[in-house]
C-alpha atoms as a PDB file:
ATOM      1  CA  MET A   1     -10.101 -26.822 -17.896  1.00  0.00           C
ATOM      2  CA  LEU A   2     -13.347 -24.371 -18.478  1.00  0.00           C
ATOM      3  CA  LEU A   3     -14.418 -24.627 -14.685  1.00  0.00           C
ATOM      4  CA  LEU A   4     -10.964 -23.409 -13.160  1.00  0.00           C
ATOM      5  CA  TRP A   5     -10.923 -19.691 -15.934  1.00  0.00           C
ATOM      6  CA  TYR A   6     -14.727 -19.662 -15.003  1.00  0.00           C
ATOM      7  CA  PHE A   7     -13.643 -20.015 -11.374  1.00  0.00           C
ATOM      8  CA  SER A   8     -10.506 -17.302 -11.749  1.00  0.00           C
ATOM      9  CA  LEU A   9     -13.342 -14.822 -12.842  1.00  0.00           C
ATOM     10  CA  PHE A  10     -15.459 -14.974 -10.638  1.00  0.00           C
ATOM     11  CA  VAL A  11     -12.532 -14.589  -7.747  1.00  0.00           C
ATOM     12  CA  SER A  12     -11.481 -11.577  -9.661  1.00  0.00           C
ATOM     13  CA  ILE A  13     -14.675  -9.476 -10.473  1.00  0.00           C
ATOM     14  CA  VAL A  14     -15.027  -9.941  -6.671  1.00  0.00           C
ATOM     15  CA  THR A  15     -11.920  -9.170  -5.219  1.00  0.00           C
ATOM     16  CA  LEU A  16     -12.054  -6.375  -7.730  1.00  0.00           C
ATOM     17  CA  ILE A  17     -15.649  -5.063  -5.638  1.00  0.00           C
ATOM     18  CA  ALA A  18     -14.347  -5.929  -2.712  1.00  0.00           C
ATOM     19  CA  GLY A  19     -11.138  -3.096  -3.267  1.00  0.00           C
ATOM     20  CA  ILE A  20     -12.320  -1.340  -4.681  1.00  0.00           C
ATOM     21  CA  ALA A  21     -15.297  -0.877  -2.082  1.00  0.00           C
ATOM     22  CA  LYS A  22     -12.652  -1.222   0.918  1.00  0.00           C
ATOM     23  CA  LYS A  23      -9.980   0.488  -0.723  1.00  0.00           C
ATOM     24  CA  SER A  24      -7.688  -2.537  -0.479  1.00  0.00           C
ATOM     25  CA  TRP A  25      -4.609  -3.074  -2.414  1.00  0.00           C
ATOM     26  CA  VAL A  26      -4.456  -6.155  -1.078  1.00  0.00           C
ATOM     27  CA  PHE A  27      -7.827  -7.043  -3.557  1.00  0.00           C
ATOM     28  CA  LEU A  28      -6.926  -4.917  -6.099  1.00  0.00           C
ATOM     29  CA  LEU A  29      -3.410  -7.745  -6.722  1.00  0.00           C
ATOM     30  CA  ILE A  30      -5.559 -10.465  -6.196  1.00  0.00           C
ATOM     31  CA  SER A  31      -7.576  -9.410  -8.743  1.00  0.00           C
ATOM     32  CA  SER A  32      -4.883  -8.254 -11.421  1.00  0.00           C
ATOM     33  CA  ILE A  33      -3.101 -12.020 -10.704  1.00  0.00           C
ATOM     34  CA  THR A  34      -6.635 -14.145 -10.704  1.00  0.00           C
ATOM     35  CA  PHE A  35      -6.334 -12.100 -13.982  1.00  0.00           C
ATOM     36  CA  THR A  36      -3.390 -13.030 -15.949  1.00  0.00           C
ATOM     37  CA  PRO A  37      -5.093 -16.455 -17.645  1.00  0.00           C
ATOM     38  CA  ILE A  38      -8.093 -14.762 -18.778  1.00  0.00           C
ATOM     39  CA  ALA A  39      -5.566 -11.647 -20.525  1.00  0.00           C
ATOM     40  CA  TYR A  40      -3.112 -14.443 -21.645  1.00  0.00           C
ATOM     41  CA  TYR A  41      -5.876 -16.364 -23.521  1.00  0.00           C
ATOM     42  CA  PHE A  42      -7.237 -13.131 -25.197  1.00  0.00           C
ATOM     43  CA  SER A  43      -3.687 -11.628 -25.748  1.00  0.00           C
ATOM     44  CA  GLY A  44      -3.499 -14.260 -28.768  1.00  0.00           C
ATOM     45  CA  ALA A  45      -7.025 -12.692 -30.710  1.00  0.00           C
ATOM     46  CA  ASN A  46      -6.586 -10.032 -33.801  1.00  0.00           C
ATOM     47  CA  ASN A  47      -9.176  -7.671 -32.904  1.00  0.00           C
ATOM     48  CA  ALA A  48     -10.141  -6.095 -30.642  1.00  0.00           C
ATOM     49  CA  TRP A  49     -10.437  -8.600 -27.249  1.00  0.00           C
ATOM     50  CA  LYS A  50      -6.336  -8.460 -27.581  1.00  0.00           C
ATOM     51  CA  TYR A  51      -7.364  -5.075 -25.484  1.00  0.00           C
ATOM     52  CA  VAL A  52      -8.656  -7.666 -23.056  1.00  0.00           C
ATOM     53  CA  GLY A  53      -4.898  -8.436 -22.538  1.00  0.00           C
ATOM     54  CA  LEU A  54      -3.729  -5.033 -20.673  1.00  0.00           C
ATOM     55  CA  THR A  55      -6.550  -5.660 -17.561  1.00  0.00           C
ATOM     56  CA  PRO A  56      -4.206  -6.885 -15.360  1.00  0.00           C
ATOM     57  CA  ILE A  57      -1.663  -3.912 -15.653  1.00  0.00           C
ATOM     58  CA  LEU A  58      -4.463  -2.000 -15.177  1.00  0.00           C
ATOM     59  CA  LEU A  59      -4.958  -3.106 -12.312  1.00  0.00           C
ATOM     60  CA  LEU A  60      -1.615  -3.842 -11.104  1.00  0.00           C
ATOM     61  CA  VAL A  61      -0.989   0.036 -11.567  1.00  0.00           C
ATOM     62  CA  LEU A  62      -4.788   0.400  -9.377  1.00  0.00           C
ATOM     63  CA  ALA A  63      -3.729  -1.525  -6.628  1.00  0.00           C
ATOM     64  CA  ILE A  64       0.165   0.503  -7.031  1.00  0.00           C
ATOM     65  CA  LEU A  65      -2.002   3.454  -7.098  1.00  0.00           C
ATOM     66  CA  THR A  66      -4.422   2.560  -4.292  1.00  0.00           C
ATOM     67  CA  TRP A  67      -0.946   1.631  -1.919  1.00  0.00           C
ATOM     68  CA  PHE A  68       1.027   5.018  -2.393  1.00  0.00           C
ATOM     69  CA  LEU A  69      -2.702   6.289  -1.075  1.00  0.00           C
ATOM     70  CA  ASN A  70      -2.963   4.560   1.758  1.00  0.00           C
ATOM     71  CA  LYS A  71       0.843   5.220   2.831  1.00  0.00           C
ATOM     72  CA  LYS A  72       0.513   8.959   2.592  1.00  0.00           C
ATOM     73  CA  LYS A  73      -2.491   8.917   4.976  1.00  0.00           C
END
């Protein structure tokens, strides 16, 4: 189970870097989706770690923003 969690984190980080470098909304959307299980795990915390749960929302907003900027061109 921990191996899947690490794999999800790795894929999320790699696609986030690729999405920012290529300005691709698809990679940013994949990063948002793959980070969701990690965010769900940390959302039950009663300390500052609960804010990790907001990361997929921020990544989704970034993907939508990139999509709108690419659509304008």
